[in-house]
Amino acid sequence: MRITLVQGDITEQAVDAVVNAANSSLLGGSGVDGAIHRRGGAAILEECRALRAAQYGAGLATGAAVATTAGDLPARWVIHTVGPVFSAQTDRSDQLASCYRESLRVADDLGVTSVAFPAVSAGIYGWPVDDAARIAVGTVRATPTQVDEARFVLFTPDVYAAFEKALTG
């Protein structure tokens, strides 16, 4: 698998699937989640509501992943994953790694070959960027998958720099 980095907007990526750093409600939010729901349109929210009604009544668990259509996005699918909120008292690294493993598992189930990832939990959930990058890159590298390209799409220069360091270090 080829791992690439892009500084930019994940909603503009022409890949098979984009990963959404979702909240457990699956009903949209701020940051990446809000951007994907806004740009993807009503079809994403409709499928998320159906998932909530059918099998995720209590919401999607932290570290889990599930797919919906990508609506108006250039991708075909959105893979929603719920990252952990950072805690200095409790090590939640396994939950963060699970976001990437489970997203790749869902990608394999869908038969996709290219996936764009955000920096899950590194925004409003407060995960230190260098550690988030280390976990993300290390997990994606170590996860067996049929995906040919894992693209990290990073919104700001500092997050891009942290992922570049994790990728080349």
N, C-alpha and C. Protein backbone atom coordinates (compact mmCIF):
# COMPACT_ATOMS: atom_id res chain seq x y z
N MET A 1 0.84 -1.18 0.00
CA MET A 1 0.00 0.00 0.00
C MET A 1 0.89 1.24 0.00
N ARG A 2 0.45 2.22 -0.74
CA ARG A 2 1.13 3.50 -0.81
C ARG A 2 0.43 4.45 0.14
N ILE A 3 1.20 5.12 1.00
CA ILE A 3 0.67 6.12 1.91
C ILE A 3 1.12 7.49 1.40
N THR A 4 0.14 8.36 1.17
CA THR A 4 0.45 9.70 0.68
C THR A 4 -0.13 10.75 1.63
N LEU A 5 0.41 11.94 1.54
CA LEU A 5 -0.05 13.08 2.35
C LEU A 5 -0.45 14.21 1.43
N VAL A 6 -1.54 14.87 1.80
CA VAL A 6 -2.03 16.03 1.06
C VAL A 6 -2.45 17.08 2.08
N GLN A 7 -2.03 18.31 1.87
CA GLN A 7 -2.60 19.38 2.69
C GLN A 7 -3.78 19.92 1.91
N GLY A 8 -4.97 19.85 2.50
CA GLY A 8 -6.14 20.32 1.78
C GLY A 8 -7.43 19.95 2.46
N ASP A 9 -8.47 19.90 1.65
CA ASP A 9 -9.84 19.68 2.09
C ASP A 9 -10.26 18.26 1.72
N ILE A 10 -10.59 17.45 2.71
CA ILE A 10 -10.95 16.05 2.46
C ILE A 10 -12.21 15.92 1.61
N THR A 11 -13.07 16.93 1.63
CA THR A 11 -14.30 16.85 0.85
C THR A 11 -14.06 17.02 -0.65
N GLU A 12 -12.84 17.38 -1.04
CA GLU A 12 -12.51 17.56 -2.46
C GLU A 12 -11.74 16.38 -3.04
N GLN A 13 -11.52 15.34 -2.26
CA GLN A 13 -10.67 14.24 -2.69
C GLN A 13 -11.42 13.26 -3.60
N ALA A 14 -10.85 13.01 -4.77
CA ALA A 14 -11.40 12.04 -5.71
C ALA A 14 -10.79 10.67 -5.41
N VAL A 15 -11.35 10.01 -4.41
CA VAL A 15 -10.94 8.67 -3.98
C VAL A 15 -12.19 7.81 -3.90
N ASP A 16 -12.00 6.52 -3.71
CA ASP A 16 -13.16 5.64 -3.57
C ASP A 16 -13.94 5.94 -2.29
N ALA A 17 -13.22 6.19 -1.19
CA ALA A 17 -13.89 6.45 0.09
C ALA A 17 -13.14 7.51 0.88
N VAL A 18 -13.89 8.37 1.54
CA VAL A 18 -13.31 9.30 2.51
C VAL A 18 -13.74 8.85 3.89
N VAL A 19 -12.85 9.02 4.84
CA VAL A 19 -13.16 8.67 6.22
C VAL A 19 -13.61 9.93 6.94
N ASN A 20 -14.71 9.81 7.64
CA ASN A 20 -15.27 10.91 8.41
C ASN A 20 -14.94 10.72 9.87
N ALA A 21 -14.34 11.73 10.47
CA ALA A 21 -14.12 11.74 11.92
C ALA A 21 -15.45 12.14 12.55
N ALA A 22 -16.33 11.18 12.68
CA ALA A 22 -17.71 11.40 13.09
C ALA A 22 -17.85 11.46 14.60
N ASN A 23 -19.00 11.93 15.05
CA ASN A 23 -19.35 11.75 16.45
C ASN A 23 -20.28 10.55 16.53
N SER A 24 -20.52 10.06 17.71
CA SER A 24 -21.26 8.80 17.85
C SER A 24 -22.69 8.87 17.34
N SER A 25 -23.27 10.07 17.25
CA SER A 25 -24.65 10.19 16.77
C SER A 25 -24.78 9.91 15.28
N LEU A 26 -23.69 10.04 14.54
CA LEU A 26 -23.67 9.92 13.08
C LEU A 26 -24.50 10.99 12.38
N LEU A 27 -24.94 12.01 13.10
CA LEU A 27 -25.86 12.98 12.52
C LEU A 27 -25.21 14.32 12.18
N GLY A 28 -23.89 14.33 12.05
CA GLY A 28 -23.18 15.56 11.70
C GLY A 28 -22.68 16.26 12.94
N GLY A 29 -21.79 17.17 12.73
CA GLY A 29 -21.19 17.90 13.85
C GLY A 29 -20.34 19.02 13.31
N SER A 30 -19.19 19.25 13.95
CA SER A 30 -18.29 20.31 13.52
C SER A 30 -17.06 19.70 12.86
N GLY A 31 -16.13 20.52 12.47
CA GLY A 31 -14.88 20.04 11.89
C GLY A 31 -15.09 19.22 10.63
N VAL A 32 -14.33 18.13 10.51
CA VAL A 32 -14.41 17.24 9.35
C VAL A 32 -15.84 16.72 9.19
N ASP A 33 -16.45 16.31 10.29
CA ASP A 33 -17.79 15.75 10.27
C ASP A 33 -18.78 16.74 9.64
N GLY A 34 -18.77 17.97 10.10
CA GLY A 34 -19.67 18.98 9.56
C GLY A 34 -19.40 19.26 8.10
N ALA A 35 -18.13 19.34 7.72
CA ALA A 35 -17.76 19.61 6.33
C ALA A 35 -18.24 18.51 5.40
N ILE A 36 -18.07 17.25 5.81
CA ILE A 36 -18.51 16.13 4.98
C ILE A 36 -20.03 16.13 4.84
N HIS A 37 -20.74 16.34 5.92
CA HIS A 37 -22.21 16.38 5.84
C HIS A 37 -22.69 17.56 4.99
N ARG A 38 -22.08 18.72 5.13
CA ARG A 38 -22.50 19.89 4.35
C ARG A 38 -22.25 19.68 2.86
N ARG A 39 -21.03 19.27 2.53
CA ARG A 39 -20.68 19.13 1.11
C ARG A 39 -21.32 17.89 0.49
N GLY A 40 -21.48 16.83 1.27
CA GLY A 40 -22.07 15.60 0.74
C GLY A 40 -23.57 15.66 0.54
N GLY A 41 -24.22 16.54 1.28
CA GLY A 41 -25.65 16.72 1.10
C GLY A 41 -26.52 15.77 1.91
N ALA A 42 -27.79 15.84 1.64
CA ALA A 42 -28.82 15.16 2.42
C ALA A 42 -28.73 13.63 2.37
N ALA A 43 -28.20 13.07 1.31
CA ALA A 43 -28.16 11.60 1.18
C ALA A 43 -27.34 10.96 2.30
N ILE A 44 -26.26 11.61 2.72
CA ILE A 44 -25.44 11.06 3.80
C ILE A 44 -26.23 11.05 5.09
N LEU A 45 -26.87 12.15 5.41
CA LEU A 45 -27.65 12.23 6.64
C LEU A 45 -28.80 11.23 6.63
N GLU A 46 -29.45 11.06 5.50
CA GLU A 46 -30.55 10.08 5.40
C GLU A 46 -30.05 8.67 5.72
N GLU A 47 -28.90 8.29 5.15
CA GLU A 47 -28.36 6.95 5.43
C GLU A 47 -27.91 6.82 6.88
N CYS A 48 -27.34 7.89 7.43
CA CYS A 48 -26.93 7.86 8.84
C CYS A 48 -28.16 7.69 9.75
N ARG A 49 -29.23 8.38 9.43
CA ARG A 49 -30.46 8.22 10.22
C ARG A 49 -30.99 6.79 10.13
N ALA A 50 -30.92 6.21 8.95
CA ALA A 50 -31.37 4.82 8.77
C ALA A 50 -30.50 3.86 9.58
N LEU A 51 -29.19 4.09 9.59
CA LEU A 51 -28.29 3.26 10.39
C LEU A 51 -28.61 3.37 11.88
N ARG A 52 -28.88 4.59 12.34
CA ARG A 52 -29.25 4.79 13.74
C ARG A 52 -30.54 4.04 14.07
N ALA A 53 -31.51 4.11 13.17
CA ALA A 53 -32.80 3.45 13.41
C ALA A 53 -32.68 1.93 13.37
N ALA A 54 -31.82 1.41 12.50
CA ALA A 54 -31.74 -0.04 12.28
C ALA A 54 -30.81 -0.75 13.26
N GLN A 55 -29.60 -0.22 13.47
CA GLN A 55 -28.64 -1.00 14.25
C GLN A 55 -27.76 -0.21 15.20
N TYR A 56 -27.80 1.10 15.14
CA TYR A 56 -26.95 1.91 16.01
C TYR A 56 -27.79 2.89 16.82
N GLY A 57 -28.82 2.37 17.46
CA GLY A 57 -29.73 3.21 18.23
C GLY A 57 -29.03 4.01 19.31
N ALA A 58 -28.01 3.43 19.90
CA ALA A 58 -27.25 4.13 20.95
C ALA A 58 -26.07 4.91 20.36
N GLY A 59 -25.94 4.89 19.05
CA GLY A 59 -24.83 5.57 18.40
C GLY A 59 -23.72 4.60 18.06
N LEU A 60 -22.80 5.05 17.23
CA LEU A 60 -21.65 4.24 16.83
C LEU A 60 -20.60 4.29 17.93
N ALA A 61 -20.08 3.15 18.29
CA ALA A 61 -19.09 3.07 19.37
C ALA A 61 -17.76 3.69 18.95
N THR A 62 -17.04 4.21 19.93
CA THR A 62 -15.70 4.74 19.69
C THR A 62 -14.81 3.64 19.14
N GLY A 63 -14.10 3.95 18.06
CA GLY A 63 -13.20 2.99 17.42
C GLY A 63 -13.86 2.14 16.35
N ALA A 64 -15.19 2.21 16.24
CA ALA A 64 -15.90 1.44 15.22
C ALA A 64 -16.01 2.25 13.93
N ALA A 65 -16.43 1.60 12.84
CA ALA A 65 -16.59 2.28 11.56
C ALA A 65 -17.76 1.67 10.80
N VAL A 66 -18.43 2.51 10.02
CA VAL A 66 -19.56 2.08 9.19
C VAL A 66 -19.60 2.98 7.96
N ALA A 67 -20.12 2.47 6.85
CA ALA A 67 -20.11 3.22 5.59
C ALA A 67 -21.51 3.69 5.19
N THR A 68 -21.51 4.82 4.48
CA THR A 68 -22.70 5.32 3.81
C THR A 68 -22.29 5.79 2.42
N THR A 69 -23.27 6.18 1.65
CA THR A 69 -23.00 6.84 0.39
C THR A 69 -22.19 8.11 0.65
N ALA A 70 -21.57 8.64 -0.39
CA ALA A 70 -20.85 9.90 -0.26
C ALA A 70 -21.68 11.07 -0.79
N GLY A 71 -22.89 10.79 -1.23
CA GLY A 71 -23.76 11.87 -1.70
C GLY A 71 -23.11 12.67 -2.81
N ASP A 72 -22.98 13.97 -2.59
CA ASP A 72 -22.44 14.88 -3.60
C ASP A 72 -20.92 15.01 -3.57
N LEU A 73 -20.24 14.26 -2.72
CA LEU A 73 -18.78 14.29 -2.69
C LEU A 73 -18.21 13.59 -3.93
N PRO A 74 -16.97 13.89 -4.31
CA PRO A 74 -16.38 13.18 -5.44
C PRO A 74 -16.05 11.71 -5.14
N ALA A 75 -16.06 11.33 -3.88
CA ALA A 75 -15.84 9.93 -3.50
C ALA A 75 -17.14 9.14 -3.71
N ARG A 76 -17.03 7.82 -3.61
CA ARG A 76 -18.23 6.98 -3.72
C ARG A 76 -18.83 6.68 -2.35
N TRP A 77 -17.98 6.56 -1.34
CA TRP A 77 -18.40 6.18 0.00
C TRP A 77 -17.85 7.13 1.05
N VAL A 78 -18.56 7.21 2.17
CA VAL A 78 -18.02 7.82 3.38
C VAL A 78 -17.96 6.73 4.43
N ILE A 79 -16.78 6.56 5.02
CA ILE A 79 -16.61 5.62 6.12
C ILE A 79 -16.56 6.45 7.40
N HIS A 80 -17.58 6.33 8.22
CA HIS A 80 -17.69 7.09 9.45
C HIS A 80 -17.00 6.32 10.58
N THR A 81 -16.13 6.99 11.31
CA THR A 81 -15.49 6.37 12.48
C THR A 81 -15.50 7.37 13.63
N VAL A 82 -15.64 6.87 14.83
CA VAL A 82 -15.71 7.73 16.01
C VAL A 82 -14.40 7.63 16.77
N GLY A 83 -13.66 8.72 16.76
CA GLY A 83 -12.40 8.77 17.49
C GLY A 83 -12.63 9.03 18.96
N PRO A 84 -11.65 8.65 19.77
CA PRO A 84 -11.73 8.92 21.21
C PRO A 84 -11.36 10.36 21.53
N VAL A 85 -11.92 10.87 22.60
CA VAL A 85 -11.50 12.15 23.15
C VAL A 85 -10.21 11.90 23.92
N PHE A 86 -9.21 12.74 23.71
CA PHE A 86 -7.94 12.55 24.40
C PHE A 86 -8.10 12.72 25.91
N SER A 87 -7.38 11.88 26.65
CA SER A 87 -7.34 11.98 28.11
C SER A 87 -5.90 11.78 28.56
N ALA A 88 -5.41 12.68 29.38
CA ALA A 88 -4.06 12.53 29.93
C ALA A 88 -4.05 11.46 31.01
N GLN A 89 -5.20 11.11 31.57
CA GLN A 89 -5.29 10.13 32.65
C GLN A 89 -5.53 8.70 32.16
N THR A 90 -6.14 8.55 30.99
CA THR A 90 -6.50 7.23 30.47
C THR A 90 -5.92 7.05 29.08
N ASP A 91 -5.18 5.96 28.86
CA ASP A 91 -4.60 5.70 27.55
C ASP A 91 -5.68 5.15 26.63
N ARG A 92 -6.04 5.92 25.63
CA ARG A 92 -7.06 5.51 24.66
C ARG A 92 -6.46 5.27 23.28
N SER A 93 -5.15 5.03 23.24
CA SER A 93 -4.44 4.82 21.98
C SER A 93 -5.03 3.66 21.17
N ASP A 94 -5.43 2.59 21.86
CA ASP A 94 -6.01 1.44 21.16
C ASP A 94 -7.31 1.82 20.45
N GLN A 95 -8.09 2.71 21.07
CA GLN A 95 -9.33 3.16 20.43
C GLN A 95 -9.03 3.98 19.18
N LEU A 96 -8.00 4.83 19.26
CA LEU A 96 -7.64 5.62 18.09
C LEU A 96 -7.12 4.72 16.98
N ALA A 97 -6.27 3.79 17.30
CA ALA A 97 -5.76 2.84 16.30
C ALA A 97 -6.91 2.05 15.68
N SER A 98 -7.90 1.68 16.49
CA SER A 98 -9.05 0.94 16.00
C SER A 98 -9.82 1.72 14.93
N CYS A 99 -9.86 3.03 15.04
CA CYS A 99 -10.53 3.84 14.01
C CYS A 99 -9.93 3.57 12.64
N TYR A 100 -8.62 3.51 12.56
CA TYR A 100 -7.95 3.29 11.29
C TYR A 100 -8.07 1.83 10.83
N ARG A 101 -7.90 0.88 11.75
CA ARG A 101 -8.05 -0.53 11.39
C ARG A 101 -9.47 -0.83 10.91
N GLU A 102 -10.45 -0.35 11.65
CA GLU A 102 -11.85 -0.61 11.29
C GLU A 102 -12.24 0.08 9.99
N SER A 103 -11.71 1.28 9.76
CA SER A 103 -11.98 1.97 8.50
C SER A 103 -11.41 1.19 7.32
N LEU A 104 -10.21 0.64 7.48
CA LEU A 104 -9.63 -0.18 6.42
C LEU A 104 -10.40 -1.49 6.23
N ARG A 105 -10.91 -2.06 7.32
CA ARG A 105 -11.74 -3.27 7.21
C ARG A 105 -13.00 -2.97 6.40
N VAL A 106 -13.66 -1.86 6.71
CA VAL A 106 -14.86 -1.47 5.97
C VAL A 106 -14.50 -1.19 4.51
N ALA A 107 -13.37 -0.53 4.27
CA ALA A 107 -12.92 -0.27 2.89
C ALA A 107 -12.75 -1.58 2.13
N ASP A 108 -12.14 -2.58 2.79
CA ASP A 108 -11.98 -3.88 2.15
C ASP A 108 -13.33 -4.53 1.87
N ASP A 109 -14.26 -4.42 2.81
CA ASP A 109 -15.60 -4.97 2.60
C ASP A 109 -16.29 -4.33 1.40
N LEU A 110 -16.02 -3.04 1.18
CA LEU A 110 -16.61 -2.32 0.06
C LEU A 110 -15.86 -2.55 -1.25
N GLY A 111 -14.65 -3.10 -1.17
CA GLY A 111 -13.84 -3.34 -2.36
C GLY A 111 -13.16 -2.09 -2.91
N VAL A 112 -12.95 -1.08 -2.06
CA VAL A 112 -12.33 0.15 -2.54
C VAL A 112 -10.80 0.01 -2.57
N THR A 113 -10.17 0.82 -3.41
CA THR A 113 -8.71 0.76 -3.51
C THR A 113 -8.03 2.04 -3.05
N SER A 114 -8.81 3.12 -2.87
CA SER A 114 -8.21 4.37 -2.40
C SER A 114 -9.09 4.98 -1.30
N VAL A 115 -8.43 5.37 -0.21
CA VAL A 115 -9.13 5.91 0.96
C VAL A 115 -8.41 7.18 1.41
N ALA A 116 -9.19 8.21 1.72
CA ALA A 116 -8.64 9.45 2.27
C ALA A 116 -9.03 9.54 3.74
N PHE A 117 -8.03 9.70 4.59
CA PHE A 117 -8.21 9.80 6.03
C PHE A 117 -7.96 11.22 6.52
N PRO A 118 -8.75 11.70 7.49
CA PRO A 118 -8.38 12.91 8.21
C PRO A 118 -7.49 12.52 9.39
N ALA A 119 -7.08 13.49 10.16
CA ALA A 119 -6.34 13.23 11.40
C ALA A 119 -7.38 13.03 12.51
N VAL A 120 -7.86 11.80 12.62
CA VAL A 120 -8.93 11.47 13.57
C VAL A 120 -8.50 11.85 15.00
N SER A 121 -9.38 12.51 15.71
CA SER A 121 -9.23 12.93 17.11
C SER A 121 -8.23 14.06 17.34
N ALA A 122 -7.55 14.54 16.29
CA ALA A 122 -6.52 15.56 16.47
C ALA A 122 -7.07 16.98 16.45
N GLY A 123 -8.36 17.12 16.29
CA GLY A 123 -8.97 18.45 16.29
C GLY A 123 -9.64 18.72 17.62
N ILE A 124 -10.95 18.86 17.58
CA ILE A 124 -11.72 19.22 18.77
C ILE A 124 -11.61 18.16 19.88
N TYR A 125 -11.26 16.92 19.52
CA TYR A 125 -11.13 15.86 20.53
C TYR A 125 -9.80 15.93 21.27
N GLY A 126 -8.93 16.86 20.87
CA GLY A 126 -7.77 17.23 21.67
C GLY A 126 -6.57 16.31 21.67
N TRP A 127 -6.51 15.35 20.76
CA TRP A 127 -5.36 14.43 20.75
C TRP A 127 -4.12 15.20 20.29
N PRO A 128 -3.00 15.10 21.00
CA PRO A 128 -1.77 15.77 20.56
C PRO A 128 -1.39 15.33 19.15
N VAL A 129 -1.14 16.29 18.29
CA VAL A 129 -0.99 16.02 16.86
C VAL A 129 0.15 15.04 16.56
N ASP A 130 1.30 15.20 17.19
CA ASP A 130 2.42 14.29 16.92
C ASP A 130 2.07 12.85 17.26
N ASP A 131 1.39 12.66 18.38
CA ASP A 131 1.00 11.31 18.80
C ASP A 131 -0.11 10.77 17.89
N ALA A 132 -1.06 11.62 17.52
CA ALA A 132 -2.13 11.19 16.60
C ALA A 132 -1.54 10.74 15.27
N ALA A 133 -0.54 11.47 14.78
CA ALA A 133 0.11 11.13 13.52
C ALA A 133 0.86 9.80 13.64
N ARG A 134 1.58 9.62 14.74
CA ARG A 134 2.33 8.38 14.96
C ARG A 134 1.39 7.18 14.96
N ILE A 135 0.29 7.29 15.68
CA ILE A 135 -0.68 6.19 15.77
C ILE A 135 -1.33 5.93 14.41
N ALA A 136 -1.73 7.00 13.72
CA ALA A 136 -2.40 6.86 12.43
C ALA A 136 -1.50 6.18 11.40
N VAL A 137 -0.31 6.73 11.21
CA VAL A 137 0.60 6.18 10.20
C VAL A 137 1.02 4.76 10.57
N GLY A 138 1.37 4.54 11.83
CA GLY A 138 1.79 3.21 12.26
C GLY A 138 0.70 2.16 12.10
N THR A 139 -0.52 2.53 12.42
CA THR A 139 -1.63 1.58 12.31
C THR A 139 -1.95 1.26 10.86
N VAL A 140 -2.00 2.29 10.02
CA VAL A 140 -2.29 2.06 8.60
C VAL A 140 -1.20 1.20 7.96
N ARG A 141 0.05 1.48 8.30
CA ARG A 141 1.15 0.66 7.77
C ARG A 141 1.05 -0.80 8.19
N ALA A 142 0.61 -1.04 9.41
CA ALA A 142 0.62 -2.40 9.98
C ALA A 142 -0.65 -3.19 9.70
N THR A 143 -1.65 -2.57 9.12
CA THR A 143 -2.94 -3.24 8.92
C THR A 143 -3.00 -3.90 7.55
N PRO A 144 -3.18 -5.22 7.52
CA PRO A 144 -3.35 -5.90 6.23
C PRO A 144 -4.62 -5.39 5.54
N THR A 145 -4.51 -5.04 4.26
CA THR A 145 -5.65 -4.48 3.53
C THR A 145 -5.47 -4.66 2.04
N GLN A 146 -6.57 -4.57 1.31
CA GLN A 146 -6.54 -4.58 -0.15
C GLN A 146 -6.45 -3.17 -0.72
N VAL A 147 -6.49 -2.16 0.13
CA VAL A 147 -6.41 -0.77 -0.29
C VAL A 147 -5.03 -0.50 -0.90
N ASP A 148 -5.01 0.13 -2.06
CA ASP A 148 -3.75 0.46 -2.74
C ASP A 148 -3.16 1.79 -2.26
N GLU A 149 -4.05 2.78 -1.99
CA GLU A 149 -3.58 4.08 -1.54
C GLU A 149 -4.35 4.53 -0.31
N ALA A 150 -3.61 4.83 0.74
CA ALA A 150 -4.15 5.48 1.93
C ALA A 150 -3.62 6.90 1.91
N ARG A 151 -4.51 7.84 1.77
CA ARG A 151 -4.14 9.25 1.65
C ARG A 151 -4.58 9.98 2.92
N PHE A 152 -3.62 10.59 3.61
CA PHE A 152 -3.96 11.42 4.75
C PHE A 152 -4.15 12.84 4.24
N VAL A 153 -5.33 13.38 4.44
CA VAL A 153 -5.66 14.73 3.99
C VAL A 153 -5.72 15.61 5.23
N LEU A 154 -4.77 16.54 5.29
CA LEU A 154 -4.52 17.29 6.52
C LEU A 154 -4.75 18.77 6.25
N PHE A 155 -5.57 19.37 7.09
CA PHE A 155 -6.11 20.69 6.81
C PHE A 155 -5.11 21.83 7.04
N THR A 156 -4.21 21.68 8.00
CA THR A 156 -3.31 22.79 8.34
C THR A 156 -1.84 22.37 8.18
N PRO A 157 -0.95 23.34 7.99
CA PRO A 157 0.47 23.03 7.81
C PRO A 157 1.08 22.29 9.00
N ASP A 158 0.69 22.62 10.23
CA ASP A 158 1.29 21.96 11.39
C ASP A 158 0.89 20.48 11.47
N VAL A 159 -0.34 20.17 11.11
CA VAL A 159 -0.78 18.77 11.13
C VAL A 159 -0.09 18.02 9.98
N TYR A 160 0.02 18.64 8.82
CA TYR A 160 0.74 18.03 7.71
C TYR A 160 2.18 17.72 8.13
N ALA A 161 2.84 18.66 8.77
CA ALA A 161 4.23 18.47 9.20
C ALA A 161 4.35 17.31 10.19
N ALA A 162 3.40 17.17 11.09
CA ALA A 162 3.44 16.06 12.05
C ALA A 162 3.28 14.72 11.34
N PHE A 163 2.40 14.65 10.36
CA PHE A 163 2.21 13.40 9.63
C PHE A 163 3.42 13.11 8.72
N GLU A 164 4.01 14.14 8.16
CA GLU A 164 5.22 13.94 7.34
C GLU A 164 6.34 13.37 8.20
N LYS A 165 6.48 13.90 9.41
CA LYS A 165 7.49 13.39 10.33
C LYS A 165 7.22 11.92 10.69
N ALA A 166 5.95 11.59 10.94
CA ALA A 166 5.60 10.21 11.28
C ALA A 166 5.82 9.26 10.11
N LEU A 167 5.57 9.75 8.92
CA LEU A 167 5.72 8.92 7.72
C LEU A 167 7.17 8.68 7.35
N THR A 168 8.00 9.69 7.51
CA THR A 168 9.41 9.57 7.09
C THR A 168 10.35 9.22 8.23
N GLY A 169 9.88 9.37 9.48
CA GLY A 169 10.74 9.14 10.64
C GLY A 169 10.80 7.74 11.00
